[in-house]
Amino acid sequence: MDIEVRRLGPGDEDAVHAAGALFDAAPQLDATRRFLAEPANHLLVAYDEGGAPVGFVSGVELTHPDKGTEMFLYELGVDEPARGRGIGRTLVEALAAVAREAGCYDMWVLADADNAAALATYTRADGRESSRPVLLEWDFRSR
């Protein structure tokens, strides 16, 4: 499948909403504007030959005083009928190129150990397991 990967930025809110079915929930306009306005946030969308969105990847540059800047691969989504065609790998590789261009020293992602598709995609895009962290979270929405 031939795809085109586009890097979205400020003013591309309509493109994000057109790709809304790829996200876990419908994109929120205010959150979309805020995300796209921040130079350290990156959103890349893959389009098929007909111009329909078939996948996306988002990344966030994280900077720390003693480490420098790294890219956190925040989320990857590929439309179910388009899966298994290399779109996820292409998007991950495109985000890695953005990270290198931004001067990041590495890129990382968290994936559930039982998510075989995600692990296979990240491995095919030259990712390697480096540790087995435990994720702890604070949920501020329920209080």
C-alpha atoms as a PDB file:
ATOM      1  CA  MET A   1       0.000   0.000   0.000  1.00  0.00           C
ATOM      2  CA  ASP A   2       1.427   3.359  -1.008  1.00  0.00           C
ATOM      3  CA  ILE A   3       1.008   5.890   1.739  1.00  0.00           C
ATOM      4  CA  GLU A   4       1.951   9.497   2.317  1.00  0.00           C
ATOM      5  CA  VAL A   5       2.966  10.586   5.810  1.00  0.00           C
ATOM      6  CA  ARG A   6       2.153  14.187   6.682  1.00  0.00           C
ATOM      7  CA  ARG A   7       3.429  16.061   9.713  1.00  0.00           C
ATOM      8  CA  LEU A   8       0.567  18.122  11.144  1.00  0.00           C
ATOM      9  CA  GLY A   9       0.942  21.411  12.962  1.00  0.00           C
ATOM     10  CA  PRO A  10      -0.935  24.553  13.996  1.00  0.00           C
ATOM     11  CA  GLY A  11      -3.939  25.113  11.752  1.00  0.00           C
ATOM     12  CA  ASP A  12      -4.351  21.397  10.954  1.00  0.00           C
ATOM     13  CA  GLU A  13      -7.181  20.824  13.432  1.00  0.00           C
ATOM     14  CA  ASP A  14      -9.547  19.774  10.625  1.00  0.00           C
ATOM     15  CA  ALA A  15      -7.060  17.110   9.480  1.00  0.00           C
ATOM     16  CA  VAL A  16      -6.898  15.738  13.026  1.00  0.00           C
ATOM     17  CA  HIS A  17     -10.659  15.580  13.273  1.00  0.00           C
ATOM     18  CA  ALA A  18     -10.880  13.935   9.833  1.00  0.00           C
ATOM     19  CA  ALA A  19      -8.613  11.213  11.249  1.00  0.00           C
ATOM     20  CA  GLY A  20     -10.681  11.035  14.441  1.00  0.00           C
ATOM     21  CA  ALA A  21     -11.722   7.402  13.946  1.00  0.00           C
ATOM     22  CA  LEU A  22      -8.068   6.371  14.362  1.00  0.00           C
ATOM     23  CA  PHE A  23      -7.884   7.718  17.923  1.00  0.00           C
ATOM     24  CA  ASP A  24      -9.167   6.018  21.072  1.00  0.00           C
ATOM     25  CA  ALA A  25     -11.859   8.726  21.354  1.00  0.00           C
ATOM     26  CA  ALA A  26     -12.945  11.704  19.285  1.00  0.00           C
ATOM     27  CA  PRO A  27     -10.293  14.456  19.307  1.00  0.00           C
ATOM     28  CA  GLN A  28     -11.233  17.447  21.463  1.00  0.00           C
ATOM     29  CA  LEU A  29     -10.848  20.783  19.669  1.00  0.00           C
ATOM     30  CA  ASP A  30      -9.133  22.635  22.536  1.00  0.00           C
ATOM     31  CA  ALA A  31      -6.765  19.737  23.248  1.00  0.00           C
ATOM     32  CA  THR A  32      -6.023  19.386  19.527  1.00  0.00           C
ATOM     33  CA  ARG A  33      -5.161  23.083  19.209  1.00  0.00           C
ATOM     34  CA  ARG A  34      -2.961  22.954  22.300  1.00  0.00           C
ATOM     35  CA  PHE A  35      -1.142  19.819  21.119  1.00  0.00           C
ATOM     36  CA  LEU A  36      -0.501  21.173  17.624  1.00  0.00           C
ATOM     37  CA  ALA A  37       0.663  24.563  18.935  1.00  0.00           C
ATOM     38  CA  GLU A  38       3.445  23.072  21.073  1.00  0.00           C
ATOM     39  CA  PRO A  39       6.693  22.707  19.060  1.00  0.00           C
ATOM     40  CA  ALA A  40       7.776  19.717  21.184  1.00  0.00           C
ATOM     41  CA  ASN A  41       4.632  17.771  20.217  1.00  0.00           C
ATOM     42  CA  HIS A  42       4.551  15.856  16.955  1.00  0.00           C
ATOM     43  CA  LEU A  43       1.622  14.313  15.095  1.00  0.00           C
ATOM     44  CA  LEU A  44       2.161  12.419  11.847  1.00  0.00           C
ATOM     45  CA  VAL A  45      -0.743  11.013   9.847  1.00  0.00           C
ATOM     46  CA  ALA A  46      -0.541   8.387   7.098  1.00  0.00           C
ATOM     47  CA  TYR A  47      -2.865   8.733   4.115  1.00  0.00           C
ATOM     48  CA  ASP A  48      -3.688   6.077   1.512  1.00  0.00           C
ATOM     49  CA  GLU A  49      -3.671   6.601  -2.261  1.00  0.00           C
ATOM     50  CA  GLY A  50      -7.170   8.113  -2.112  1.00  0.00           C
ATOM     51  CA  GLY A  51      -6.223  10.619   0.592  1.00  0.00           C
ATOM     52  CA  ALA A  52      -7.996   8.839   3.441  1.00  0.00           C
ATOM     53  CA  PRO A  53      -6.232   8.766   6.834  1.00  0.00           C
ATOM     54  CA  VAL A  54      -5.163   5.205   7.684  1.00  0.00           C
ATOM     55  CA  GLY A  55      -2.823   5.704  10.644  1.00  0.00           C
ATOM     56  CA  PHE A  56      -1.110   8.136  12.957  1.00  0.00           C
ATOM     57  CA  VAL A  57       1.726   8.390  15.424  1.00  0.00           C
ATOM     58  CA  SER A  58       2.235  11.031  18.075  1.00  0.00           C
ATOM     59  CA  GLY A  59       5.389  11.886  19.924  1.00  0.00           C
ATOM     60  CA  VAL A  60       6.467  14.316  22.606  1.00  0.00           C
ATOM     61  CA  GLU A  61       9.977  15.620  23.149  1.00  0.00           C
ATOM     62  CA  LEU A  62      10.988  15.384  26.810  1.00  0.00           C
ATOM     63  CA  THR A  63      13.948  17.371  28.092  1.00  0.00           C
ATOM     64  CA  HIS A  64      15.719  16.933  31.409  1.00  0.00           C
ATOM     65  CA  PRO A  65      18.694  18.966  32.671  1.00  0.00           C
ATOM     66  CA  ASP A  66      21.064  16.016  33.068  1.00  0.00           C
ATOM     67  CA  LYS A  67      19.925  13.943  30.095  1.00  0.00           C
ATOM     68  CA  GLY A  68      19.093  16.195  27.186  1.00  0.00           C
ATOM     69  CA  THR A  69      16.077  15.589  24.960  1.00  0.00           C
ATOM     70  CA  GLU A  70      14.445  12.289  24.058  1.00  0.00           C
ATOM     71  CA  MET A  71      11.323  11.425  22.072  1.00  0.00           C
ATOM     72  CA  PHE A  72       8.450   9.677  23.817  1.00  0.00           C
ATOM     73  CA  LEU A  73       6.334   7.789  21.284  1.00  0.00           C
ATOM     74  CA  TYR A  74       2.978   8.641  22.828  1.00  0.00           C
ATOM     75  CA  GLU A  75       0.553   6.692  20.644  1.00  0.00           C
ATOM     76  CA  LEU A  76       0.386   4.726  17.410  1.00  0.00           C
ATOM     77  CA  GLY A  77      -2.853   3.863  15.672  1.00  0.00           C
ATOM     78  CA  VAL A  78      -3.570   2.150  12.348  1.00  0.00           C
ATOM     79  CA  ASP A  79      -7.026   1.621  10.872  1.00  0.00           C
ATOM     80  CA  GLU A  80      -7.937  -2.052  11.321  1.00  0.00           C
ATOM     81  CA  PRO A  81      -8.409  -2.850   7.598  1.00  0.00           C
ATOM     82  CA  ALA A  82      -4.990  -1.313   6.852  1.00  0.00           C
ATOM     83  CA  ARG A  83      -3.063  -3.277   9.491  1.00  0.00           C
ATOM     84  CA  GLY A  84      -0.334  -5.715   8.555  1.00  0.00           C
ATOM     85  CA  ARG A  85       0.847  -3.616   5.610  1.00  0.00           C
ATOM     86  CA  GLY A  86       3.798  -1.805   7.187  1.00  0.00           C
ATOM     87  CA  ILE A  87       1.966   1.443   7.938  1.00  0.00           C
ATOM     88  CA  GLY A  88       2.743   1.299  11.667  1.00  0.00           C
ATOM     89  CA  ARG A  89       6.428   0.628  10.987  1.00  0.00           C
ATOM     90  CA  THR A  90       6.529   3.482   8.456  1.00  0.00           C
ATOM     91  CA  LEU A  91       4.987   5.873  10.974  1.00  0.00           C
ATOM     92  CA  VAL A  92       7.386   4.823  13.738  1.00  0.00           C
ATOM     93  CA  GLU A  93      10.343   5.268  11.397  1.00  0.00           C
ATOM     94  CA  ALA A  94       9.022   8.703  10.373  1.00  0.00           C
ATOM     95  CA  LEU A  95       8.777   9.750  14.028  1.00  0.00           C
ATOM     96  CA  ALA A  96      12.320   8.461  14.613  1.00  0.00           C
ATOM     97  CA  ALA A  97      13.466  10.697  11.754  1.00  0.00           C
ATOM     98  CA  VAL A  98      11.724  13.666  13.401  1.00  0.00           C
ATOM     99  CA  ALA A  99      13.463  12.778  16.679  1.00  0.00           C
ATOM    100  CA  ARG A 100      16.873  12.677  15.015  1.00  0.00           C
ATOM    101  CA  GLU A 101      16.144  15.980  13.257  1.00  0.00           C
ATOM    102  CA  ALA A 102      15.209  17.516  16.635  1.00  0.00           C
ATOM    103  CA  GLY A 103      18.492  16.331  18.187  1.00  0.00           C
ATOM    104  CA  CYS A 104      16.938  13.728  20.465  1.00  0.00           C
ATOM    105  CA  TYR A 105      19.392  11.209  21.912  1.00  0.00           C
ATOM    106  CA  ASP A 106      16.790   8.384  21.851  1.00  0.00           C
ATOM    107  CA  MET A 107      13.143   7.478  21.421  1.00  0.00           C
ATOM    108  CA  TRP A 108      11.090   5.219  23.657  1.00  0.00           C
ATOM    109  CA  VAL A 109       7.604   3.780  24.024  1.00  0.00           C
ATOM    110  CA  LEU A 110       5.731   1.739  26.600  1.00  0.00           C
ATOM    111  CA  ALA A 111       3.762  -1.240  25.292  1.00  0.00           C
ATOM    112  CA  ASP A 112       1.760  -3.876  27.098  1.00  0.00           C
ATOM    113  CA  ALA A 113       3.607  -7.193  27.185  1.00  0.00           C
ATOM    114  CA  ASP A 114       0.560  -8.982  25.744  1.00  0.00           C
ATOM    115  CA  ASN A 115       0.196  -6.596  22.771  1.00  0.00           C
ATOM    116  CA  ALA A 116       1.914  -8.785  20.183  1.00  0.00           C
ATOM    117  CA  ALA A 117       1.042  -6.502  17.252  1.00  0.00           C
ATOM    118  CA  ALA A 118       2.580  -3.433  18.898  1.00  0.00           C
ATOM    119  CA  LEU A 119       5.698  -5.303  19.964  1.00  0.00           C
ATOM    120  CA  ALA A 120       6.149  -6.700  16.446  1.00  0.00           C
ATOM    121  CA  THR A 121       5.694  -3.255  14.879  1.00  0.00           C
ATOM    122  CA  TYR A 122       8.195  -1.576  17.188  1.00  0.00           C
ATOM    123  CA  THR A 123      10.707  -4.395  16.721  1.00  0.00           C
ATOM    124  CA  ARG A 124      10.416  -4.184  12.912  1.00  0.00           C
ATOM    125  CA  ALA A 125      11.099  -0.442  13.206  1.00  0.00           C
ATOM    126  CA  ASP A 126      14.414  -1.230  15.006  1.00  0.00           C
ATOM    127  CA  GLY A 127      13.080  -0.866  18.558  1.00  0.00           C
ATOM    128  CA  ARG A 128      14.463  -3.195  21.189  1.00  0.00           C
ATOM    129  CA  GLU A 129      13.356  -4.067  24.685  1.00  0.00           C
ATOM    130  CA  SER A 130      15.590  -2.369  27.226  1.00  0.00           C
ATOM    131  CA  SER A 131      13.769  -2.963  30.516  1.00  0.00           C
ATOM    132  CA  ARG A 132      10.567  -4.178  32.126  1.00  0.00           C
ATOM    133  CA  PRO A 133       9.265  -1.137  34.007  1.00  0.00           C
ATOM    134  CA  VAL A 134       6.195  -1.017  36.202  1.00  0.00           C
ATOM    135  CA  LEU A 135       3.749   1.732  35.276  1.00  0.00           C
ATOM    136  CA  LEU A 136       2.245   3.659  38.172  1.00  0.00           C
ATOM    137  CA  GLU A 137      -0.342   6.331  37.481  1.00  0.00           C
ATOM    138  CA  TRP A 138      -2.281   9.092  39.151  1.00  0.00           C
ATOM    139  CA  ASP A 139      -5.807   9.461  37.761  1.00  0.00           C
ATOM    140  CA  PHE A 140      -7.032  12.991  38.434  1.00  0.00           C
ATOM    141  CA  ARG A 141     -10.261  12.629  36.441  1.00  0.00           C
ATOM    142  CA  SER A 142     -12.039  10.441  38.982  1.00  0.00           C
ATOM    143  CA  ARG A 143     -11.672  12.779  41.945  1.00  0.00           C
END
